[in-house]
N, C-alpha and C. Protein backbone atom coordinates (compact mmCIF):
# COMPACT_ATOMS: atom_id res chain seq x y z
N UNK A 1 -16.07 -20.08 104.34
CA UNK A 1 -15.51 -20.75 105.52
C UNK A 1 -15.26 -22.24 105.19
N UNK A 2 -14.16 -22.74 105.66
CA UNK A 2 -13.81 -24.14 105.44
C UNK A 2 -14.47 -25.04 106.46
N UNK A 3 -13.99 -26.30 106.51
CA UNK A 3 -14.54 -27.21 107.48
C UNK A 3 -13.42 -27.48 108.51
N UNK A 4 -13.80 -28.19 109.66
CA UNK A 4 -12.78 -28.56 110.63
C UNK A 4 -11.99 -29.75 110.21
N UNK A 5 -12.17 -30.24 109.00
CA UNK A 5 -11.39 -31.40 108.55
C UNK A 5 -10.06 -30.88 108.02
N UNK A 6 -8.99 -31.31 108.65
CA UNK A 6 -7.68 -30.83 108.31
C UNK A 6 -6.89 -31.79 107.45
N UNK A 7 -7.36 -33.01 107.31
CA UNK A 7 -6.68 -33.98 106.45
C UNK A 7 -7.67 -35.05 105.93
N UNK A 8 -7.40 -35.51 104.73
CA UNK A 8 -8.19 -36.52 104.10
C UNK A 8 -7.48 -36.97 102.82
N UNK A 9 -7.51 -38.30 102.53
CA UNK A 9 -6.88 -38.78 101.30
C UNK A 9 -7.95 -39.14 100.30
N UNK A 10 -8.19 -38.26 99.32
CA UNK A 10 -9.16 -38.46 98.29
C UNK A 10 -8.59 -39.15 97.06
N UNK A 11 -7.82 -40.24 97.33
CA UNK A 11 -7.20 -40.92 96.24
C UNK A 11 -8.17 -41.40 95.18
N UNK A 12 -7.92 -41.15 93.92
CA UNK A 12 -8.83 -41.48 92.88
C UNK A 12 -9.78 -40.40 92.49
N UNK A 13 -9.85 -39.32 93.26
CA UNK A 13 -10.71 -38.20 92.98
C UNK A 13 -9.90 -37.01 92.47
N UNK A 14 -10.60 -36.15 91.73
CA UNK A 14 -10.01 -34.92 91.24
C UNK A 14 -10.71 -33.74 91.86
N UNK A 15 -9.96 -32.86 92.53
CA UNK A 15 -10.60 -31.70 93.15
C UNK A 15 -11.14 -30.71 92.11
N UNK A 16 -12.39 -30.32 92.30
CA UNK A 16 -13.01 -29.37 91.35
C UNK A 16 -13.12 -28.00 91.95
N UNK A 17 -13.31 -27.93 93.28
CA UNK A 17 -13.35 -26.63 93.97
C UNK A 17 -13.10 -26.92 95.44
N UNK A 18 -13.11 -25.92 96.27
CA UNK A 18 -12.85 -26.14 97.72
C UNK A 18 -13.88 -27.12 98.23
N UNK A 19 -13.43 -28.19 98.88
CA UNK A 19 -14.30 -29.17 99.51
C UNK A 19 -15.17 -29.99 98.56
N UNK A 20 -14.75 -30.09 97.30
CA UNK A 20 -15.57 -30.86 96.36
C UNK A 20 -14.62 -31.56 95.38
N UNK A 21 -14.88 -32.90 95.21
CA UNK A 21 -14.08 -33.76 94.32
C UNK A 21 -14.98 -34.61 93.52
N UNK A 22 -14.55 -35.06 92.34
CA UNK A 22 -15.30 -36.02 91.58
C UNK A 22 -14.30 -37.09 91.07
N UNK A 23 -14.87 -38.19 90.60
CA UNK A 23 -14.03 -39.19 89.95
C UNK A 23 -14.63 -39.65 88.62
N UNK A 24 -13.88 -40.46 87.85
CA UNK A 24 -14.32 -40.81 86.51
C UNK A 24 -15.53 -41.73 86.47
N UNK A 25 -15.92 -42.30 87.64
CA UNK A 25 -17.04 -43.20 87.64
C UNK A 25 -18.35 -42.43 88.04
N UNK A 26 -18.28 -41.15 88.27
CA UNK A 26 -19.42 -40.35 88.57
C UNK A 26 -19.65 -40.07 90.09
N UNK A 27 -18.68 -40.50 90.92
CA UNK A 27 -18.82 -40.24 92.33
C UNK A 27 -18.52 -38.78 92.61
N UNK A 28 -19.22 -38.23 93.58
CA UNK A 28 -18.98 -36.84 94.06
C UNK A 28 -18.70 -36.92 95.53
N UNK A 29 -17.56 -36.42 95.94
CA UNK A 29 -17.14 -36.34 97.36
C UNK A 29 -17.14 -34.90 97.74
N UNK A 30 -17.78 -34.63 98.93
CA UNK A 30 -17.88 -33.25 99.40
C UNK A 30 -17.79 -33.20 100.91
N UNK A 31 -17.28 -32.06 101.43
CA UNK A 31 -17.15 -31.76 102.84
C UNK A 31 -18.01 -30.61 103.21
N UNK A 32 -18.59 -30.63 104.40
CA UNK A 32 -19.53 -29.57 104.80
C UNK A 32 -19.33 -29.22 106.26
N UNK A 33 -19.54 -27.98 106.62
CA UNK A 33 -19.55 -27.54 107.98
C UNK A 33 -20.76 -26.72 108.23
N UNK A 34 -21.48 -27.00 109.36
CA UNK A 34 -22.73 -26.30 109.69
C UNK A 34 -22.60 -25.72 111.10
N UNK A 35 -22.57 -24.42 111.24
CA UNK A 35 -22.36 -23.78 112.56
C UNK A 35 -23.68 -23.62 113.28
N UNK A 36 -24.48 -24.72 113.32
CA UNK A 36 -25.78 -24.76 113.97
C UNK A 36 -25.87 -26.02 114.78
N UNK A 37 -26.80 -26.00 115.74
CA UNK A 37 -27.10 -27.23 116.47
C UNK A 37 -27.59 -28.30 115.49
N UNK A 38 -26.91 -29.45 115.47
CA UNK A 38 -27.27 -30.52 114.46
C UNK A 38 -28.74 -30.86 114.46
N UNK A 39 -29.26 -31.12 113.30
CA UNK A 39 -30.67 -31.49 113.14
C UNK A 39 -30.81 -32.98 113.15
N UNK A 40 -30.40 -33.60 114.21
CA UNK A 40 -30.55 -35.04 114.39
C UNK A 40 -31.73 -35.33 115.37
N UNK A 41 -32.50 -36.43 115.14
CA UNK A 41 -33.68 -36.65 115.96
C UNK A 41 -33.37 -37.22 117.34
N UNK A 42 -32.15 -37.61 117.65
CA UNK A 42 -31.78 -38.15 118.93
C UNK A 42 -30.29 -38.17 119.08
N UNK A 43 -29.76 -38.14 120.32
CA UNK A 43 -28.27 -38.23 120.50
C UNK A 43 -27.78 -39.57 120.06
N UNK A 44 -26.45 -39.64 119.84
CA UNK A 44 -25.84 -40.86 119.39
C UNK A 44 -25.96 -41.98 120.34
N UNK A 45 -26.06 -41.71 121.61
CA UNK A 45 -26.11 -42.79 122.63
C UNK A 45 -27.53 -43.40 122.75
N UNK A 46 -28.45 -42.93 121.90
CA UNK A 46 -29.83 -43.52 121.80
C UNK A 46 -30.01 -44.00 120.37
N UNK A 47 -29.26 -45.05 119.95
CA UNK A 47 -29.26 -45.45 118.54
C UNK A 47 -30.61 -45.89 117.99
N UNK A 48 -31.46 -46.53 118.76
CA UNK A 48 -32.77 -46.96 118.27
C UNK A 48 -33.63 -45.75 117.93
N UNK A 49 -33.68 -44.80 118.81
CA UNK A 49 -34.51 -43.56 118.58
C UNK A 49 -33.90 -42.77 117.46
N UNK A 50 -32.56 -42.71 117.41
CA UNK A 50 -31.86 -42.02 116.33
C UNK A 50 -32.22 -42.65 114.98
N UNK A 51 -32.06 -43.94 114.87
CA UNK A 51 -32.30 -44.61 113.56
C UNK A 51 -33.79 -44.43 113.13
N UNK A 52 -34.70 -44.58 114.09
CA UNK A 52 -36.10 -44.45 113.68
C UNK A 52 -36.37 -43.05 113.19
N UNK A 53 -35.84 -42.06 113.91
CA UNK A 53 -36.03 -40.64 113.53
C UNK A 53 -35.45 -40.37 112.12
N UNK A 54 -34.26 -40.95 111.86
CA UNK A 54 -33.60 -40.71 110.56
C UNK A 54 -34.44 -41.39 109.46
N UNK A 55 -34.97 -42.60 109.73
CA UNK A 55 -35.79 -43.29 108.70
C UNK A 55 -37.07 -42.47 108.46
N UNK A 56 -37.69 -41.92 109.51
CA UNK A 56 -38.89 -41.18 109.33
C UNK A 56 -38.61 -39.86 108.56
N UNK A 57 -37.50 -39.23 108.87
CA UNK A 57 -37.10 -38.02 108.20
C UNK A 57 -36.90 -38.25 106.71
N UNK A 58 -36.15 -39.32 106.33
CA UNK A 58 -35.95 -39.64 104.94
C UNK A 58 -37.31 -39.93 104.26
N UNK A 59 -38.21 -40.61 104.94
CA UNK A 59 -39.50 -40.97 104.30
C UNK A 59 -40.25 -39.68 104.03
N UNK A 60 -40.25 -38.80 104.97
CA UNK A 60 -41.03 -37.47 104.78
C UNK A 60 -40.49 -36.75 103.54
N UNK A 61 -39.22 -36.94 103.22
CA UNK A 61 -38.59 -36.29 102.06
C UNK A 61 -38.80 -37.11 100.78
N UNK A 62 -39.49 -38.23 100.91
CA UNK A 62 -39.74 -39.11 99.75
C UNK A 62 -38.53 -39.98 99.40
N UNK A 63 -37.59 -40.05 100.33
CA UNK A 63 -36.39 -40.89 100.11
C UNK A 63 -36.46 -42.19 100.87
N UNK A 64 -35.42 -42.90 100.96
CA UNK A 64 -35.32 -44.15 101.71
C UNK A 64 -34.03 -44.28 102.46
N UNK A 65 -34.08 -44.47 103.78
CA UNK A 65 -32.88 -44.76 104.55
C UNK A 65 -32.52 -46.21 104.43
N UNK A 66 -31.35 -46.52 103.86
CA UNK A 66 -30.90 -47.87 103.68
C UNK A 66 -30.31 -48.40 104.99
N UNK A 67 -29.48 -47.59 105.58
CA UNK A 67 -28.89 -48.02 106.92
C UNK A 67 -28.39 -46.79 107.59
N UNK A 68 -28.30 -46.87 108.95
CA UNK A 68 -27.74 -45.81 109.77
C UNK A 68 -27.00 -46.53 110.87
N UNK A 69 -25.67 -46.16 111.08
CA UNK A 69 -24.81 -46.83 111.98
C UNK A 69 -24.02 -45.82 112.76
N UNK A 70 -24.00 -45.93 114.08
CA UNK A 70 -23.18 -45.04 114.89
C UNK A 70 -21.78 -45.60 114.97
N UNK A 71 -20.81 -44.73 115.08
CA UNK A 71 -19.40 -45.12 115.14
C UNK A 71 -18.58 -43.90 115.45
N UNK A 72 -17.33 -43.83 114.87
CA UNK A 72 -16.55 -42.61 115.09
C UNK A 72 -15.72 -42.41 113.83
N UNK A 73 -15.35 -41.14 113.67
CA UNK A 73 -14.41 -40.71 112.63
C UNK A 73 -13.26 -40.01 113.35
N UNK A 74 -12.06 -40.51 113.15
CA UNK A 74 -10.86 -39.95 113.86
C UNK A 74 -11.13 -39.85 115.35
N UNK A 75 -11.80 -40.82 115.91
CA UNK A 75 -12.02 -40.86 117.36
C UNK A 75 -13.14 -40.03 117.86
N UNK A 76 -13.89 -39.35 116.94
CA UNK A 76 -15.01 -38.48 117.35
C UNK A 76 -16.30 -39.18 117.01
N UNK A 77 -17.23 -39.28 117.96
CA UNK A 77 -18.54 -39.96 117.70
C UNK A 77 -19.27 -39.41 116.51
N UNK A 78 -19.89 -40.27 115.74
CA UNK A 78 -20.50 -39.90 114.49
C UNK A 78 -21.58 -40.88 114.12
N UNK A 79 -22.33 -40.55 113.10
CA UNK A 79 -23.36 -41.45 112.57
C UNK A 79 -23.21 -41.55 111.05
N UNK A 80 -23.19 -42.75 110.52
CA UNK A 80 -23.07 -42.97 109.09
C UNK A 80 -24.45 -43.34 108.53
N UNK A 81 -24.81 -42.70 107.42
CA UNK A 81 -26.07 -42.97 106.77
C UNK A 81 -25.87 -43.33 105.29
N UNK A 82 -26.71 -44.19 104.85
CA UNK A 82 -26.83 -44.52 103.41
C UNK A 82 -28.30 -44.25 103.03
N UNK A 83 -28.47 -43.40 102.08
CA UNK A 83 -29.88 -42.96 101.69
C UNK A 83 -29.98 -43.05 100.15
N UNK A 84 -31.17 -43.40 99.72
CA UNK A 84 -31.44 -43.40 98.30
C UNK A 84 -32.58 -42.39 98.03
N UNK A 85 -32.45 -41.66 96.94
CA UNK A 85 -33.40 -40.73 96.52
C UNK A 85 -33.73 -40.83 95.04
N UNK A 86 -34.89 -40.45 94.64
CA UNK A 86 -35.25 -40.49 93.22
C UNK A 86 -34.50 -39.36 92.52
N UNK A 87 -34.02 -39.62 91.32
CA UNK A 87 -33.46 -38.55 90.53
C UNK A 87 -34.52 -37.51 90.22
N UNK A 88 -34.15 -36.25 90.11
CA UNK A 88 -35.17 -35.23 89.87
C UNK A 88 -35.93 -35.46 88.58
N UNK A 89 -35.27 -36.11 87.56
CA UNK A 89 -35.98 -36.29 86.34
C UNK A 89 -36.81 -37.63 86.38
N UNK A 90 -36.81 -38.27 87.50
CA UNK A 90 -37.53 -39.54 87.67
C UNK A 90 -36.93 -40.76 87.11
N UNK A 91 -35.73 -40.67 86.54
CA UNK A 91 -35.07 -41.76 85.90
C UNK A 91 -34.00 -42.34 86.86
N UNK A 92 -34.32 -43.43 87.54
CA UNK A 92 -33.39 -44.03 88.42
C UNK A 92 -33.26 -43.34 89.77
N UNK A 93 -32.17 -43.72 90.51
CA UNK A 93 -31.96 -43.22 91.86
C UNK A 93 -30.56 -42.69 92.03
N UNK A 94 -30.40 -41.83 93.05
CA UNK A 94 -29.14 -41.38 93.49
C UNK A 94 -28.91 -41.94 94.94
N UNK A 95 -27.68 -42.44 95.13
CA UNK A 95 -27.33 -42.99 96.44
C UNK A 95 -26.30 -42.05 97.15
N UNK A 96 -26.59 -41.80 98.42
CA UNK A 96 -25.80 -40.89 99.20
C UNK A 96 -25.28 -41.60 100.42
N UNK A 97 -24.01 -41.51 100.68
CA UNK A 97 -23.41 -42.09 101.90
C UNK A 97 -22.73 -40.92 102.64
N UNK A 98 -22.91 -40.88 103.95
CA UNK A 98 -22.31 -39.75 104.70
C UNK A 98 -21.98 -40.11 106.07
N UNK A 99 -21.00 -39.51 106.65
CA UNK A 99 -20.72 -39.45 108.08
C UNK A 99 -21.10 -38.10 108.55
N UNK A 100 -21.96 -38.01 109.58
CA UNK A 100 -22.25 -36.73 110.23
C UNK A 100 -21.58 -36.77 111.58
N UNK A 101 -20.69 -35.79 111.82
CA UNK A 101 -19.96 -35.70 113.08
C UNK A 101 -20.50 -34.56 113.85
N UNK A 102 -21.49 -34.82 114.77
CA UNK A 102 -22.18 -33.71 115.43
C UNK A 102 -21.48 -33.28 116.76
N UNK A 103 -21.54 -32.01 117.03
CA UNK A 103 -21.15 -31.44 118.27
C UNK A 103 -22.34 -30.69 118.85
N UNK A 104 -22.18 -30.13 120.07
CA UNK A 104 -23.32 -29.47 120.71
C UNK A 104 -23.86 -28.33 119.88
N UNK A 105 -22.99 -27.57 119.27
CA UNK A 105 -23.47 -26.36 118.52
C UNK A 105 -23.10 -26.32 117.07
N UNK A 106 -22.59 -27.41 116.53
CA UNK A 106 -22.20 -27.39 115.10
C UNK A 106 -21.98 -28.86 114.65
N UNK A 107 -21.71 -29.00 113.37
CA UNK A 107 -21.44 -30.41 112.86
C UNK A 107 -20.64 -30.32 111.58
N UNK A 108 -19.98 -31.35 111.23
CA UNK A 108 -19.31 -31.44 109.92
C UNK A 108 -19.73 -32.76 109.28
N UNK A 109 -19.72 -32.76 107.98
CA UNK A 109 -20.22 -33.93 107.23
C UNK A 109 -19.25 -34.29 106.10
N UNK A 110 -18.99 -35.59 105.97
CA UNK A 110 -18.29 -36.12 104.82
C UNK A 110 -19.27 -36.91 104.02
N UNK A 111 -19.48 -36.53 102.71
CA UNK A 111 -20.52 -37.12 101.92
C UNK A 111 -19.99 -37.58 100.60
N UNK A 112 -20.47 -38.77 100.18
CA UNK A 112 -20.16 -39.28 98.86
C UNK A 112 -21.49 -39.66 98.22
N UNK A 113 -21.62 -39.32 96.96
CA UNK A 113 -22.89 -39.68 96.24
C UNK A 113 -22.62 -40.09 94.81
N UNK A 114 -23.56 -40.90 94.30
CA UNK A 114 -23.46 -41.31 92.87
C UNK A 114 -24.85 -41.72 92.43
N UNK A 115 -25.15 -41.40 91.13
CA UNK A 115 -26.43 -41.74 90.59
C UNK A 115 -26.38 -42.82 89.58
N UNK A 116 -27.48 -43.49 89.36
CA UNK A 116 -27.58 -44.48 88.30
C UNK A 116 -27.48 -43.83 86.96
N UNK A 117 -26.96 -44.60 85.97
CA UNK A 117 -26.75 -44.05 84.65
C UNK A 117 -27.91 -44.45 83.76
N UNK A 118 -27.63 -44.72 82.50
CA UNK A 118 -28.65 -45.08 81.55
C UNK A 118 -29.43 -46.36 81.89
N UNK A 119 -28.68 -47.31 82.48
CA UNK A 119 -29.31 -48.56 82.88
C UNK A 119 -29.66 -48.49 84.33
N UNK A 120 -30.91 -48.68 84.61
CA UNK A 120 -31.40 -48.61 86.02
C UNK A 120 -32.17 -49.83 86.38
N UNK A 121 -32.16 -50.17 87.65
CA UNK A 121 -32.96 -51.29 88.15
C UNK A 121 -32.39 -52.65 87.93
N UNK A 122 -31.22 -52.80 87.37
CA UNK A 122 -30.65 -54.11 87.10
C UNK A 122 -30.38 -54.90 88.37
N UNK A 123 -29.72 -54.20 89.33
CA UNK A 123 -29.44 -54.89 90.57
C UNK A 123 -30.73 -55.36 91.25
N UNK A 124 -31.73 -54.48 91.34
CA UNK A 124 -32.99 -54.88 91.96
C UNK A 124 -33.63 -56.04 91.27
N UNK A 125 -33.61 -56.04 89.95
CA UNK A 125 -34.31 -57.10 89.19
C UNK A 125 -33.60 -58.45 89.40
N UNK A 126 -32.31 -58.44 89.40
CA UNK A 126 -31.56 -59.69 89.51
C UNK A 126 -31.79 -60.29 90.93
N UNK A 127 -31.68 -59.43 91.94
CA UNK A 127 -31.87 -59.90 93.34
C UNK A 127 -33.31 -60.38 93.55
N UNK A 128 -34.28 -59.64 93.02
CA UNK A 128 -35.66 -60.04 93.16
C UNK A 128 -35.89 -61.43 92.51
N UNK A 129 -35.30 -61.64 91.37
CA UNK A 129 -35.45 -62.95 90.70
C UNK A 129 -34.78 -64.06 91.51
N UNK A 130 -33.73 -63.76 92.25
CA UNK A 130 -33.02 -64.79 92.96
C UNK A 130 -33.71 -65.15 94.29
N UNK A 131 -34.22 -64.13 95.02
CA UNK A 131 -34.76 -64.37 96.34
C UNK A 131 -36.27 -64.50 96.32
N UNK A 132 -36.95 -64.02 95.34
CA UNK A 132 -38.41 -64.08 95.24
C UNK A 132 -39.02 -62.91 95.97
N UNK A 133 -40.27 -62.54 95.50
CA UNK A 133 -40.92 -61.36 96.10
C UNK A 133 -41.15 -61.41 97.56
N UNK A 134 -41.43 -62.60 98.18
CA UNK A 134 -41.75 -62.67 99.54
C UNK A 134 -40.57 -62.30 100.42
N UNK A 135 -39.34 -62.63 99.97
CA UNK A 135 -38.13 -62.37 100.74
C UNK A 135 -37.50 -61.00 100.32
N UNK A 136 -38.00 -60.46 99.22
CA UNK A 136 -37.34 -59.26 98.70
C UNK A 136 -37.74 -57.94 99.46
N UNK A 137 -39.09 -57.70 99.53
CA UNK A 137 -39.52 -56.52 100.22
C UNK A 137 -39.72 -56.81 101.72
N UNK A 138 -39.27 -55.91 102.59
CA UNK A 138 -39.36 -56.12 104.00
C UNK A 138 -39.77 -54.83 104.75
N UNK A 139 -40.40 -54.94 105.90
CA UNK A 139 -40.66 -53.74 106.67
C UNK A 139 -39.31 -53.07 107.00
N UNK A 140 -39.28 -51.81 107.17
CA UNK A 140 -38.02 -51.13 107.50
C UNK A 140 -37.58 -51.60 108.89
N UNK A 141 -36.35 -52.00 109.03
CA UNK A 141 -35.84 -52.56 110.39
C UNK A 141 -35.87 -51.49 111.47
N UNK A 142 -35.79 -50.19 111.11
CA UNK A 142 -35.81 -49.17 112.14
C UNK A 142 -37.17 -48.64 112.49
N UNK A 143 -38.13 -48.91 111.57
CA UNK A 143 -39.49 -48.38 111.80
C UNK A 143 -40.46 -49.27 110.98
N UNK A 144 -40.98 -50.27 111.63
CA UNK A 144 -41.80 -51.26 110.90
C UNK A 144 -43.05 -50.73 110.31
N UNK A 145 -43.56 -49.64 110.86
CA UNK A 145 -44.78 -49.03 110.38
C UNK A 145 -44.52 -47.88 109.45
N UNK A 146 -43.31 -47.73 108.93
CA UNK A 146 -42.95 -46.61 108.10
C UNK A 146 -43.76 -46.54 106.84
N UNK A 147 -44.19 -45.31 106.50
CA UNK A 147 -44.98 -45.08 105.29
C UNK A 147 -44.31 -43.97 104.44
N UNK A 148 -44.44 -44.04 103.15
CA UNK A 148 -44.07 -42.89 102.27
C UNK A 148 -42.66 -42.92 101.83
N UNK A 149 -41.88 -43.86 102.23
CA UNK A 149 -40.46 -43.89 101.80
C UNK A 149 -40.30 -44.70 100.53
N UNK A 150 -39.16 -44.56 99.84
CA UNK A 150 -38.85 -45.52 98.88
C UNK A 150 -38.77 -46.91 99.48
N UNK A 151 -39.20 -47.93 98.75
CA UNK A 151 -39.33 -49.26 99.38
C UNK A 151 -38.03 -49.78 99.99
N UNK A 152 -38.11 -50.41 101.14
CA UNK A 152 -36.95 -51.12 101.75
C UNK A 152 -36.92 -52.51 101.22
N UNK A 153 -35.78 -52.93 100.67
CA UNK A 153 -35.62 -54.23 100.08
C UNK A 153 -34.17 -54.70 100.23
N UNK A 154 -34.04 -56.02 100.03
CA UNK A 154 -32.74 -56.63 100.33
C UNK A 154 -31.69 -56.37 99.25
N UNK A 155 -32.07 -55.86 98.09
CA UNK A 155 -31.11 -55.63 97.08
C UNK A 155 -30.10 -54.48 97.48
N UNK A 156 -30.52 -53.66 98.44
CA UNK A 156 -29.64 -52.63 98.96
C UNK A 156 -28.67 -53.13 99.99
N UNK A 157 -28.77 -54.38 100.45
CA UNK A 157 -27.89 -54.89 101.45
C UNK A 157 -26.47 -55.03 100.92
N UNK A 158 -25.53 -54.88 101.83
CA UNK A 158 -24.09 -54.91 101.47
C UNK A 158 -23.68 -56.24 100.88
N UNK A 159 -24.31 -57.30 101.28
CA UNK A 159 -23.97 -58.61 100.80
C UNK A 159 -24.03 -58.79 99.32
N UNK A 160 -24.79 -57.89 98.62
CA UNK A 160 -24.92 -57.96 97.18
C UNK A 160 -23.92 -57.07 96.44
N UNK A 161 -23.15 -56.27 97.15
CA UNK A 161 -22.24 -55.36 96.51
C UNK A 161 -21.22 -56.10 95.63
N UNK A 162 -20.75 -57.23 96.12
CA UNK A 162 -19.69 -57.97 95.36
C UNK A 162 -20.28 -58.43 94.03
N UNK A 163 -21.54 -58.63 93.92
CA UNK A 163 -22.18 -59.09 92.67
C UNK A 163 -22.38 -57.92 91.71
N UNK A 164 -22.35 -56.67 92.17
CA UNK A 164 -22.59 -55.52 91.37
C UNK A 164 -21.52 -54.46 91.68
N UNK A 165 -20.25 -54.77 91.29
CA UNK A 165 -19.12 -53.86 91.69
C UNK A 165 -19.20 -52.46 91.10
N UNK A 166 -19.93 -52.25 90.02
CA UNK A 166 -20.05 -50.98 89.39
C UNK A 166 -21.34 -50.22 89.73
N UNK A 167 -22.13 -50.81 90.55
CA UNK A 167 -23.39 -50.12 90.92
C UNK A 167 -23.11 -48.92 91.86
N UNK A 168 -23.86 -47.82 91.68
CA UNK A 168 -23.51 -46.59 92.43
C UNK A 168 -23.54 -46.80 93.97
N UNK A 169 -24.45 -47.70 94.42
CA UNK A 169 -24.52 -47.98 95.90
C UNK A 169 -23.24 -48.68 96.36
N UNK A 170 -22.75 -49.60 95.55
CA UNK A 170 -21.45 -50.28 95.84
C UNK A 170 -20.30 -49.28 95.89
N UNK A 171 -20.28 -48.39 94.86
CA UNK A 171 -19.24 -47.41 94.74
C UNK A 171 -19.21 -46.38 95.93
N UNK A 172 -20.39 -46.00 96.33
CA UNK A 172 -20.51 -45.11 97.46
C UNK A 172 -20.01 -45.74 98.75
N UNK A 173 -20.47 -46.99 98.98
CA UNK A 173 -20.01 -47.70 100.18
C UNK A 173 -18.48 -47.83 100.20
N UNK A 174 -17.93 -48.24 99.05
CA UNK A 174 -16.50 -48.48 98.98
C UNK A 174 -15.72 -47.21 99.20
N UNK A 175 -16.16 -46.13 98.56
CA UNK A 175 -15.40 -44.80 98.72
C UNK A 175 -15.47 -44.35 100.12
N UNK A 176 -16.65 -44.46 100.80
CA UNK A 176 -16.82 -43.93 102.16
C UNK A 176 -15.90 -44.81 103.08
N UNK A 177 -15.86 -46.11 102.86
CA UNK A 177 -15.05 -46.99 103.67
C UNK A 177 -13.55 -46.70 103.53
N UNK A 178 -13.17 -46.34 102.29
CA UNK A 178 -11.76 -46.08 102.01
C UNK A 178 -11.31 -44.69 102.57
N UNK A 179 -12.18 -43.72 102.52
CA UNK A 179 -11.82 -42.36 102.84
C UNK A 179 -11.88 -42.15 104.35
N UNK A 180 -12.80 -42.75 105.05
CA UNK A 180 -13.05 -42.42 106.45
C UNK A 180 -11.85 -42.59 107.30
N UNK A 181 -11.00 -43.62 107.19
CA UNK A 181 -9.85 -43.79 108.09
C UNK A 181 -8.80 -42.68 107.89
N UNK A 182 -8.87 -41.94 106.78
CA UNK A 182 -7.86 -40.95 106.44
C UNK A 182 -8.21 -39.53 106.97
N UNK A 183 -9.41 -39.38 107.53
CA UNK A 183 -9.90 -38.07 107.96
C UNK A 183 -9.28 -37.68 109.30
N UNK A 184 -8.86 -36.40 109.38
CA UNK A 184 -8.39 -35.84 110.60
C UNK A 184 -9.09 -34.53 110.87
N UNK A 185 -9.16 -34.12 112.16
CA UNK A 185 -9.93 -32.85 112.49
C UNK A 185 -9.00 -31.88 113.18
N UNK A 186 -9.41 -30.59 113.07
CA UNK A 186 -8.85 -29.52 113.85
C UNK A 186 -9.11 -29.90 115.35
N UNK A 187 -8.06 -29.86 116.21
CA UNK A 187 -8.33 -30.19 117.54
C UNK A 187 -9.40 -29.32 118.24
N UNK A 188 -9.57 -28.11 117.78
CA UNK A 188 -10.55 -27.26 118.38
C UNK A 188 -11.95 -27.81 118.16
N UNK A 189 -12.18 -28.47 117.03
CA UNK A 189 -13.44 -29.12 116.77
C UNK A 189 -13.61 -30.39 117.61
N UNK A 190 -12.61 -31.23 117.58
CA UNK A 190 -12.65 -32.49 118.35
C UNK A 190 -12.94 -32.28 119.82
N UNK A 191 -12.45 -31.16 120.38
CA UNK A 191 -12.63 -30.92 121.83
C UNK A 191 -13.94 -30.25 122.17
N UNK A 192 -14.72 -29.88 121.25
CA UNK A 192 -15.99 -29.23 121.54
C UNK A 192 -16.92 -30.21 122.27
N UNK A 193 -17.88 -29.69 123.12
CA UNK A 193 -18.81 -30.54 123.81
C UNK A 193 -19.59 -31.39 122.83
N UNK A 194 -19.98 -32.61 123.22
CA UNK A 194 -20.63 -33.51 122.29
C UNK A 194 -22.05 -33.08 122.02
N UNK A 195 -22.62 -33.59 120.93
CA UNK A 195 -24.05 -33.37 120.60
C UNK A 195 -24.93 -33.88 121.74
N UNK A 196 -25.88 -33.05 122.15
CA UNK A 196 -26.73 -33.43 123.26
C UNK A 196 -26.36 -32.67 124.48
N UNK A 197 -25.12 -32.08 124.55
CA UNK A 197 -24.70 -31.28 125.67
C UNK A 197 -25.20 -29.84 125.42
N UNK A 198 -25.00 -29.00 126.37
CA UNK A 198 -25.41 -27.61 126.24
C UNK A 198 -24.68 -26.99 125.05
N UNK A 199 -25.39 -26.41 124.09
CA UNK A 199 -24.75 -25.81 122.93
C UNK A 199 -23.69 -24.75 123.34
N UNK A 200 -22.64 -24.69 122.60
CA UNK A 200 -21.59 -23.75 122.82
C UNK A 200 -21.17 -23.10 121.48
N UNK A 201 -20.39 -22.10 121.58
CA UNK A 201 -19.92 -21.43 120.31
C UNK A 201 -19.05 -22.42 119.54
N UNK A 202 -19.12 -22.32 118.22
CA UNK A 202 -18.28 -23.10 117.34
C UNK A 202 -17.10 -22.21 116.91
N UNK A 203 -15.88 -22.67 117.16
CA UNK A 203 -14.74 -21.84 116.74
C UNK A 203 -14.68 -21.64 115.23
N UNK A 204 -14.23 -20.49 114.80
CA UNK A 204 -14.08 -20.29 113.35
C UNK A 204 -13.05 -21.25 112.80
N UNK A 205 -13.36 -21.79 111.66
CA UNK A 205 -12.47 -22.76 111.02
C UNK A 205 -11.61 -21.98 110.00
N UNK A 206 -10.39 -22.52 109.76
CA UNK A 206 -9.49 -21.87 108.85
C UNK A 206 -10.06 -21.91 107.44
N UNK A 207 -9.78 -20.98 106.59
CA UNK A 207 -10.23 -21.04 105.19
C UNK A 207 -9.74 -22.28 104.53
N UNK A 208 -10.57 -22.79 103.62
CA UNK A 208 -10.23 -24.00 102.84
C UNK A 208 -9.12 -23.59 101.89
N UNK A 209 -8.17 -24.54 101.56
CA UNK A 209 -7.14 -24.21 100.63
C UNK A 209 -7.74 -24.04 99.24
N UNK A 210 -7.12 -23.22 98.40
CA UNK A 210 -7.70 -23.01 97.03
C UNK A 210 -7.57 -24.32 96.20
N UNK A 211 -8.51 -24.47 95.32
CA UNK A 211 -8.46 -25.64 94.44
C UNK A 211 -7.26 -25.56 93.47
N UNK A 212 -6.62 -26.68 93.22
CA UNK A 212 -5.45 -26.63 92.32
C UNK A 212 -5.88 -26.20 90.91
């Protein structure tokens, strides 16, 4: 089954299979559809509770929520997340950026991810040296008492992206920012009741086009 996304401009990416693209810098772009009530901790109109719940959920998984922002994709309410996780082999981190577009009984996700290569920790070391340890590590802004997550620190802030244009976090942010305005939805999806309303059936989505 395909997704309710009917249009998107993945310029710079090469399609590998239905709903999956990669680029030469190691970015992976993927689209997803879930015919289930979205697993979000709060509705979008309660951003503080939503962000805290997302931060706690990431921490329970051993990851770290960098930021979560509510907004819209093609006029449909959505939440954007940036998350960092440890690589399975323990060498460096993988950064994931996504828009989750939830409806009462289903959701679709646009996700971009990229992992650190052979050189890891350079961004963190440079920023730590510049700002000092006292200003580097901070309580999580969405959950000051958060435990168990990857550390929250200022090196992940967007203001440092320009200093590290090839860092995977920078690349993920840039790709998501570039792709998001090009996304369009099947009107049947856009018109579904919003997340938090009484769940309803999700219309079947048209099959995804075959990979070239």
